[in-house]
Amino acid sequence: MSNITPNWFASVMGTGIVANAAATLPLQFPGLRPAATLVWAAATLLLVVLSVATVVHWVRFRQTARGHHSHAVMAHFYGAPPMALLTVGAGTLLLGKDVIGEPAAVTVDAALWTVGTVLGLLSAVAIPYLTFTRHEVSEDSAFGGWLMPVVPPMVSAATGALLLPFIPEGQARLTMMLACYGMFGLSLVASLIIITLIWSRLARHKIGAVAMVPTLWIVLGPLGQSITAVNLLGGNAHLVVDPSWAHALELFGVIYGVPVLGFALLWGALAVAITVRTARQGLPFALTWWSFTFPVGTCVTGVTGLALHTGAIALDALAVVLYVGLVAAWGIVAVRTFHGAIIRGTLLAPPQPA
């Protein structure tokens, strides 16, 4: 426990999204929901364990813990803890209500959403500030991890939409919906800027460090999560605004989502090609492999939302195919993480200087 880094919370994100995506998957078969509930429980337990371990780490190894924010790479992964809270919270509402009841599930989700949103907004400001003022950044520094601190507000927008039916009618519900759309825009614009920098870095400086190749998949995160957010918000807009506005917001989810899905599929194809090329030359395992999970999961939930609002069978099929890939990736990464953390202990080594 001498070095619990914030990127460990990516394992909670990756595990939680497997459960959450299953809850709304177009193809539901016997045993899927109970299995998804078990995965949600595992993600919840993992969140508790990592949270306690982080507190202990800050108490016993304060100097090491304080050094994470000054590390030009590790600092960006402070976006992982708030997204872990938001993911588990959403899973509690979607699946955990079968275990603890809906009133308790709503209470837990509201608490996790509030804490996750506050921490996410802080990361969206603090980490870019450190990058702009303290971290040493070169022309080839941009990588997928730069998205981590600015994506949490997008996750808040998507998971906040799930809470809309449980918020009192009137100004409270309207404020929540507007806040979610605001966080959607905050994260979207910041993500587009960073994705452009990543594309530029790849074109000018090529792939770079092998260990960072999996982080290319993080680009799918804000893309898939933004599609999820606008479709969930559009689907629940009738609870907040008049029918004409609700219909317009639901249409916006499709008008925005389909083109962005097209780019997500393009980036996914590029990420697959680069990953396969790198793997042939040697791709050592690291916690960055969790980038193969949560971003793909957001694409599953995004495509599911589009399928619901369009009725397109092709999108139903695509969501299922992506989910199968997500489960396969999660299984591989989870086993490798257990081996690296428990069996060998190499994943708990302090980060190297940036």
Protein backbone atom coordinates (compact mmCIF):
# COMPACT_ATOMS: atom_id res chain seq x y z
CA MET A 1 0.00 0.00 0.00
CA SER A 2 3.05 2.23 -0.33
CA ASN A 3 1.83 3.71 -3.61
CA ILE A 4 -1.92 3.76 -4.34
CA THR A 5 -2.20 5.96 -7.41
CA PRO A 6 -5.46 7.58 -8.62
CA ASN A 7 -5.43 5.55 -11.85
CA TRP A 8 -6.36 2.49 -9.78
CA PHE A 9 -9.92 3.86 -9.77
CA ALA A 10 -10.06 3.15 -13.51
CA SER A 11 -10.61 -0.48 -12.50
CA VAL A 12 -13.82 0.57 -10.73
CA MET A 13 -14.92 2.48 -13.81
CA GLY A 14 -14.17 -0.43 -16.11
CA THR A 15 -15.93 -2.94 -13.88
CA GLY A 16 -18.92 -0.73 -13.18
CA ILE A 17 -19.59 0.05 -16.84
CA VAL A 18 -19.81 -3.68 -17.61
CA ALA A 19 -22.74 -3.86 -15.19
CA ASN A 20 -24.38 -0.59 -16.21
CA ALA A 21 -24.24 -1.34 -19.93
CA ALA A 22 -25.84 -4.74 -19.36
CA ALA A 23 -28.77 -3.18 -17.50
CA THR A 24 -30.02 -1.36 -20.62
CA LEU A 25 -28.61 -3.58 -23.38
CA PRO A 26 -31.17 -4.09 -26.21
CA LEU A 27 -30.72 -7.87 -26.04
CA GLN A 28 -31.76 -9.14 -22.62
CA PHE A 29 -31.52 -12.85 -21.87
CA PRO A 30 -32.08 -14.95 -18.71
CA GLY A 31 -29.26 -14.52 -16.23
CA LEU A 32 -27.90 -11.27 -17.66
CA ARG A 33 -29.37 -8.99 -15.01
CA PRO A 34 -28.34 -11.18 -12.03
CA ALA A 35 -24.82 -11.43 -13.49
CA ALA A 36 -24.71 -7.68 -14.03
CA THR A 37 -25.84 -7.17 -10.42
CA LEU A 38 -22.94 -9.29 -9.20
CA VAL A 39 -20.52 -7.23 -11.29
CA TRP A 40 -22.03 -4.04 -9.83
CA ALA A 41 -21.49 -5.47 -6.35
CA ALA A 42 -17.86 -6.24 -7.24
CA ALA A 43 -17.37 -2.67 -8.50
CA THR A 44 -18.92 -1.32 -5.30
CA LEU A 45 -16.65 -3.45 -3.12
CA LEU A 46 -13.63 -2.41 -5.19
CA LEU A 47 -14.59 1.26 -4.78
CA VAL A 48 -14.78 0.86 -1.00
CA VAL A 49 -11.46 -1.00 -0.82
CA LEU A 50 -9.63 1.54 -2.99
CA SER A 51 -11.15 4.47 -1.11
CA VAL A 52 -10.00 3.07 2.23
CA ALA A 53 -6.58 2.20 0.78
CA THR A 54 -6.23 5.74 -0.56
CA VAL A 55 -7.02 7.25 2.84
CA VAL A 56 -4.51 4.96 4.53
CA HIS A 57 -1.96 5.78 1.85
CA TRP A 58 -2.38 9.51 2.45
CA VAL A 59 -1.94 8.97 6.18
CA ARG A 60 1.07 6.66 6.07
CA PHE A 61 2.81 7.80 2.87
CA ARG A 62 1.81 11.44 2.61
CA GLN A 63 4.91 12.55 0.71
CA THR A 64 4.37 9.97 -2.03
CA ALA A 65 0.66 10.77 -2.26
CA ARG A 66 1.30 14.50 -2.47
CA GLY A 67 3.66 13.90 -5.37
CA HIS A 68 0.98 12.48 -7.67
CA HIS A 69 -0.49 15.85 -8.61
CA SER A 70 2.94 17.17 -9.64
CA HIS A 71 3.60 14.19 -11.90
CA ALA A 72 2.88 15.40 -15.45
CA VAL A 73 1.27 12.06 -16.41
CA MET A 74 -0.23 10.72 -13.19
CA ALA A 75 -1.95 14.00 -12.30
CA HIS A 76 -4.45 13.61 -15.13
CA PHE A 77 -5.77 10.40 -13.61
CA TYR A 78 -7.27 12.33 -10.73
CA GLY A 79 -10.31 12.30 -12.99
CA ALA A 80 -10.71 8.57 -12.31
CA PRO A 81 -11.96 8.70 -8.67
CA PRO A 82 -14.98 10.95 -9.42
CA MET A 83 -15.91 8.85 -12.45
CA ALA A 84 -15.67 5.72 -10.30
CA LEU A 85 -18.12 7.24 -7.82
CA LEU A 86 -20.52 8.26 -10.59
CA THR A 87 -20.37 4.87 -12.28
CA VAL A 88 -21.08 2.91 -9.10
CA GLY A 89 -23.84 5.37 -8.21
CA ALA A 90 -25.56 4.86 -11.56
CA GLY A 91 -25.22 1.10 -11.16
CA THR A 92 -26.85 1.33 -7.73
CA LEU A 93 -29.90 2.99 -9.31
CA LEU A 94 -30.01 0.66 -12.33
CA LEU A 95 -29.21 -2.64 -10.60
CA GLY A 96 -28.66 -2.15 -6.90
CA LYS A 97 -32.34 -1.30 -6.37
CA ASP A 98 -33.08 -5.01 -6.84
CA VAL A 99 -30.99 -5.66 -3.73
CA ILE A 100 -31.47 -2.67 -1.42
CA GLY A 101 -34.78 -1.29 -2.72
CA GLU A 102 -35.45 1.79 -4.83
CA PRO A 103 -35.61 4.44 -2.05
CA ALA A 104 -32.20 3.39 -0.69
CA ALA A 105 -30.77 3.12 -4.19
CA VAL A 106 -31.88 6.66 -5.02
CA THR A 107 -30.34 7.97 -1.80
CA VAL A 108 -27.02 6.23 -2.43
CA ASP A 109 -26.92 7.34 -6.06
CA ALA A 110 -27.75 10.95 -5.15
CA ALA A 111 -24.95 11.00 -2.57
CA LEU A 112 -22.37 9.44 -4.91
CA TRP A 113 -23.50 11.70 -7.77
CA THR A 114 -23.11 14.82 -5.62
CA VAL A 115 -19.63 13.91 -4.36
CA GLY A 116 -18.52 12.65 -7.78
CA THR A 117 -19.78 15.77 -9.52
CA VAL A 118 -18.04 18.14 -7.10
CA LEU A 119 -14.75 16.21 -7.39
CA GLY A 120 -15.17 16.00 -11.15
CA LEU A 121 -15.64 19.73 -11.54
CA LEU A 122 -12.60 20.30 -9.34
CA SER A 123 -10.50 17.97 -11.49
CA ALA A 124 -11.73 19.67 -14.67
CA VAL A 125 -10.32 22.97 -13.35
CA ALA A 126 -7.38 22.00 -11.17
CA ILE A 127 -5.56 19.56 -13.46
CA PRO A 128 -5.62 21.77 -16.58
CA TYR A 129 -4.49 24.64 -14.32
CA LEU A 130 -1.49 22.59 -13.17
CA THR A 131 -0.77 21.63 -16.78
CA PHE A 132 -0.85 25.28 -17.83
CA THR A 133 1.24 26.59 -14.93
CA ARG A 134 3.48 23.89 -13.43
CA HIS A 135 3.83 20.69 -15.42
CA GLU A 136 6.60 20.49 -17.97
CA VAL A 137 4.89 19.82 -21.29
CA SER A 138 6.57 19.28 -24.64
CA GLU A 139 5.12 19.19 -28.15
CA ASP A 140 4.71 15.42 -28.00
CA SER A 141 3.19 15.27 -24.50
CA ALA A 142 -0.49 15.07 -25.44
CA PHE A 143 -1.97 11.62 -24.80
CA GLY A 144 -5.35 10.08 -24.04
CA GLY A 145 -4.93 10.61 -20.32
CA TRP A 146 -5.30 14.36 -20.83
CA LEU A 147 -9.02 13.65 -21.27
CA MET A 148 -9.40 12.03 -17.85
CA PRO A 149 -9.82 15.21 -15.76
CA VAL A 150 -12.31 16.87 -18.14
CA VAL A 151 -14.59 13.87 -18.81
CA PRO A 152 -16.12 13.54 -15.28
CA PRO A 153 -18.64 16.38 -15.89
CA MET A 154 -19.85 14.48 -18.96
CA VAL A 155 -20.36 11.39 -16.80
CA SER A 156 -22.24 13.60 -14.33
CA ALA A 157 -24.48 14.79 -17.16
CA ALA A 158 -25.31 11.23 -18.22
CA THR A 159 -25.82 9.83 -14.72
CA GLY A 160 -27.64 12.97 -13.58
CA ALA A 161 -30.25 12.33 -16.26
CA LEU A 162 -31.09 9.06 -14.47
CA LEU A 163 -31.91 11.02 -11.32
CA LEU A 164 -34.32 13.46 -12.99
CA PRO A 165 -37.46 11.36 -12.30
CA PHE A 166 -36.66 11.35 -8.57
CA ILE A 167 -36.12 15.11 -8.20
CA PRO A 168 -39.11 17.26 -7.13
CA GLU A 169 -40.99 18.87 -10.01
CA GLY A 170 -40.49 22.51 -10.79
CA GLN A 171 -37.35 24.59 -10.45
CA ALA A 172 -35.30 21.84 -8.79
CA ARG A 173 -35.80 19.43 -11.69
CA LEU A 174 -35.30 22.18 -14.28
CA THR A 175 -32.07 23.31 -12.60
CA MET A 176 -30.78 19.75 -12.59
CA MET A 177 -31.49 19.30 -16.29
CA LEU A 178 -29.87 22.61 -17.23
CA ALA A 179 -26.84 21.81 -15.06
CA CYS A 180 -26.45 18.47 -16.85
CA TYR A 181 -26.57 20.13 -20.27
CA GLY A 182 -24.06 22.71 -19.03
CA MET A 183 -21.67 20.00 -17.88
CA PHE A 184 -22.21 18.23 -21.20
CA GLY A 185 -21.01 21.36 -23.01
CA LEU A 186 -18.14 21.98 -20.60
CA SER A 187 -16.73 18.52 -21.12
CA LEU A 188 -17.49 18.32 -24.84
CA VAL A 189 -15.62 21.48 -25.86
CA ALA A 190 -12.61 20.67 -23.64
CA SER A 191 -12.54 17.12 -25.02
CA LEU A 192 -12.65 18.29 -28.64
CA ILE A 193 -9.66 20.55 -28.01
CA ILE A 194 -7.68 17.71 -26.43
CA ILE A 195 -8.65 15.18 -29.11
CA THR A 196 -7.34 17.63 -31.71
CA LEU A 197 -4.03 17.87 -29.82
CA ILE A 198 -3.79 14.07 -29.64
CA TRP A 199 -4.42 13.76 -33.40
CA SER A 200 -1.78 16.41 -34.04
CA ARG A 201 0.73 14.63 -31.79
CA LEU A 202 0.13 11.30 -33.53
CA ALA A 203 0.57 12.88 -36.96
CA ARG A 204 3.75 14.77 -36.05
CA HIS A 205 5.41 12.54 -33.46
CA LYS A 206 3.83 9.13 -34.18
CA ILE A 207 2.75 6.62 -31.55
CA GLY A 208 5.38 7.29 -28.89
CA ALA A 209 5.77 5.28 -25.70
CA VAL A 210 4.38 1.77 -25.97
CA ALA A 211 2.78 1.88 -22.50
CA MET A 212 0.67 4.88 -23.57
CA VAL A 213 -0.88 3.16 -26.62
CA PRO A 214 -3.91 1.85 -24.64
CA THR A 215 -4.74 5.42 -23.62
CA LEU A 216 -5.71 6.13 -27.24
CA TRP A 217 -8.91 4.27 -26.39
CA ILE A 218 -9.77 6.95 -23.81
CA VAL A 219 -10.83 9.18 -26.72
CA LEU A 220 -13.89 6.94 -27.09
CA GLY A 221 -14.90 7.91 -23.54
CA PRO A 222 -16.12 11.47 -24.08
CA LEU A 223 -17.55 10.51 -27.48
CA GLY A 224 -19.62 7.60 -26.20
CA GLN A 225 -20.52 9.32 -22.94
CA SER A 226 -21.71 12.45 -24.75
CA ILE A 227 -24.02 10.34 -26.94
CA THR A 228 -25.29 8.63 -23.80
CA ALA A 229 -25.84 11.94 -22.01
CA VAL A 230 -27.85 13.71 -24.72
CA ASN A 231 -30.05 10.67 -25.30
CA LEU A 232 -30.75 10.12 -21.60
CA LEU A 233 -31.44 13.82 -21.09
CA GLY A 234 -33.63 13.94 -24.20
CA GLY A 235 -35.51 10.84 -23.10
CA ASN A 236 -36.35 12.40 -19.72
CA ALA A 237 -36.90 15.96 -20.96
CA HIS A 238 -40.69 15.41 -20.99
CA LEU A 239 -40.51 15.38 -17.19
CA VAL A 240 -39.17 18.92 -17.17
CA VAL A 241 -40.26 20.97 -20.19
CA ASP A 242 -43.33 21.20 -22.41
CA PRO A 243 -43.88 18.56 -25.14
CA SER A 244 -42.50 20.65 -28.01
CA TRP A 245 -39.22 21.31 -26.21
CA ALA A 246 -39.05 17.71 -25.01
CA HIS A 247 -39.46 16.46 -28.57
CA ALA A 248 -36.76 18.85 -29.79
CA LEU A 249 -34.32 17.70 -27.11
CA GLU A 250 -35.02 14.05 -27.92
CA LEU A 251 -34.36 14.78 -31.61
CA PHE A 252 -31.14 16.55 -30.64
CA GLY A 253 -29.92 13.34 -29.07
CA VAL A 254 -30.22 11.56 -32.42
CA ILE A 255 -29.03 14.46 -34.58
CA TYR A 256 -25.93 14.83 -32.41
CA GLY A 257 -25.42 11.18 -31.61
CA VAL A 258 -25.34 9.56 -35.04
CA PRO A 259 -22.57 11.76 -36.53
CA VAL A 260 -20.49 11.51 -33.35
CA LEU A 261 -20.94 7.74 -33.42
CA GLY A 262 -19.48 7.81 -36.91
CA PHE A 263 -16.33 9.52 -35.65
CA ALA A 264 -16.19 7.17 -32.67
CA LEU A 265 -16.19 4.20 -35.03
CA LEU A 266 -13.43 5.83 -37.08
CA TRP A 267 -11.32 6.41 -33.98
CA GLY A 268 -12.09 2.91 -32.77
CA ALA A 269 -10.78 1.46 -36.03
CA LEU A 270 -7.59 3.53 -35.74
CA ALA A 271 -7.15 2.50 -32.09
CA VAL A 272 -7.58 -1.18 -32.99
CA ALA A 273 -5.05 -0.94 -35.82
CA ILE A 274 -2.45 0.86 -33.69
CA THR A 275 -2.99 -1.49 -30.74
CA VAL A 276 -2.61 -4.61 -32.89
CA ARG A 277 0.50 -3.18 -34.54
CA THR A 278 2.01 -2.39 -31.15
CA ALA A 279 1.04 -5.75 -29.63
CA ARG A 280 2.94 -7.55 -32.35
CA GLN A 281 6.06 -5.69 -31.26
CA GLY A 282 5.33 -6.13 -27.55
CA LEU A 283 2.72 -4.42 -25.38
CA PRO A 284 3.58 -4.85 -21.68
CA PHE A 285 0.71 -4.90 -19.23
CA ALA A 286 0.03 -1.76 -17.19
CA LEU A 287 -2.96 -0.16 -15.53
CA THR A 288 -3.45 1.79 -18.76
CA TRP A 289 -5.01 -1.41 -20.12
CA TRP A 290 -8.19 -0.40 -18.27
CA SER A 291 -8.55 2.12 -21.11
CA PHE A 292 -9.86 -0.84 -23.14
CA THR A 293 -12.96 -1.05 -20.91
CA PHE A 294 -14.78 2.09 -19.72
CA PRO A 295 -14.51 4.03 -23.01
CA VAL A 296 -15.92 1.07 -24.95
CA GLY A 297 -18.66 0.75 -22.34
CA THR A 298 -19.74 4.35 -22.91
CA CYS A 299 -20.07 3.56 -26.61
CA VAL A 300 -22.33 0.63 -25.70
CA THR A 301 -24.62 2.86 -23.63
CA GLY A 302 -24.52 5.57 -26.29
CA VAL A 303 -25.47 3.19 -29.10
CA THR A 304 -28.19 1.72 -26.86
CA GLY A 305 -29.68 5.19 -26.42
CA LEU A 306 -29.63 5.82 -30.15
CA ALA A 307 -31.21 2.43 -30.82
CA LEU A 308 -34.02 3.23 -28.38
CA HIS A 309 -34.81 6.58 -29.98
CA THR A 310 -34.48 5.47 -33.61
CA GLY A 311 -35.76 1.91 -33.51
CA ALA A 312 -32.83 0.87 -35.72
CA ILE A 313 -32.16 -2.87 -35.48
CA ALA A 314 -28.65 -2.28 -36.83
CA LEU A 315 -27.89 -0.17 -33.76
CA ASP A 316 -29.29 -2.89 -31.49
CA ALA A 317 -26.88 -5.34 -33.10
CA LEU A 318 -23.96 -2.90 -32.85
CA ALA A 319 -24.61 -2.38 -29.13
CA VAL A 320 -24.54 -6.14 -28.54
CA VAL A 321 -21.33 -6.60 -30.55
CA LEU A 322 -19.62 -3.79 -28.66
CA TYR A 323 -20.79 -5.25 -25.36
CA VAL A 324 -19.34 -8.66 -26.19
CA GLY A 325 -16.02 -6.94 -26.92
CA LEU A 326 -16.29 -4.99 -23.66
CA VAL A 327 -16.82 -8.14 -21.57
CA ALA A 328 -13.91 -9.90 -23.29
CA ALA A 329 -11.59 -6.94 -22.68
CA TRP A 330 -12.72 -6.61 -19.06
CA GLY A 331 -12.08 -10.29 -18.38
CA ILE A 332 -8.54 -10.13 -19.76
CA VAL A 333 -7.64 -6.87 -18.00
CA ALA A 334 -9.16 -7.93 -14.67
CA VAL A 335 -7.17 -11.18 -14.63
CA ARG A 336 -3.94 -9.40 -15.58
CA THR A 337 -4.54 -6.73 -12.92
CA PHE A 338 -5.09 -9.36 -10.22
CA HIS A 339 -1.88 -11.11 -11.26
CA GLY A 340 0.14 -7.89 -11.37
CA ALA A 341 -1.20 -6.51 -8.08
CA ILE A 342 -1.65 -9.57 -5.88
CA ILE A 343 0.70 -12.19 -7.32
CA ARG A 344 3.67 -10.08 -8.43
CA GLY A 345 3.00 -6.73 -6.75
CA THR A 346 4.56 -4.77 -9.63
CA LEU A 347 1.49 -2.58 -10.14
CA LEU A 348 1.98 -1.03 -6.70
CA ALA A 349 5.44 0.32 -7.52
CA PRO A 350 5.87 4.12 -7.41
CA PRO A 351 5.47 5.95 -10.77
CA GLN A 352 8.60 6.82 -12.69
CA PRO A 353 9.54 10.50 -13.07
CA ALA A 354 7.70 12.15 -15.98
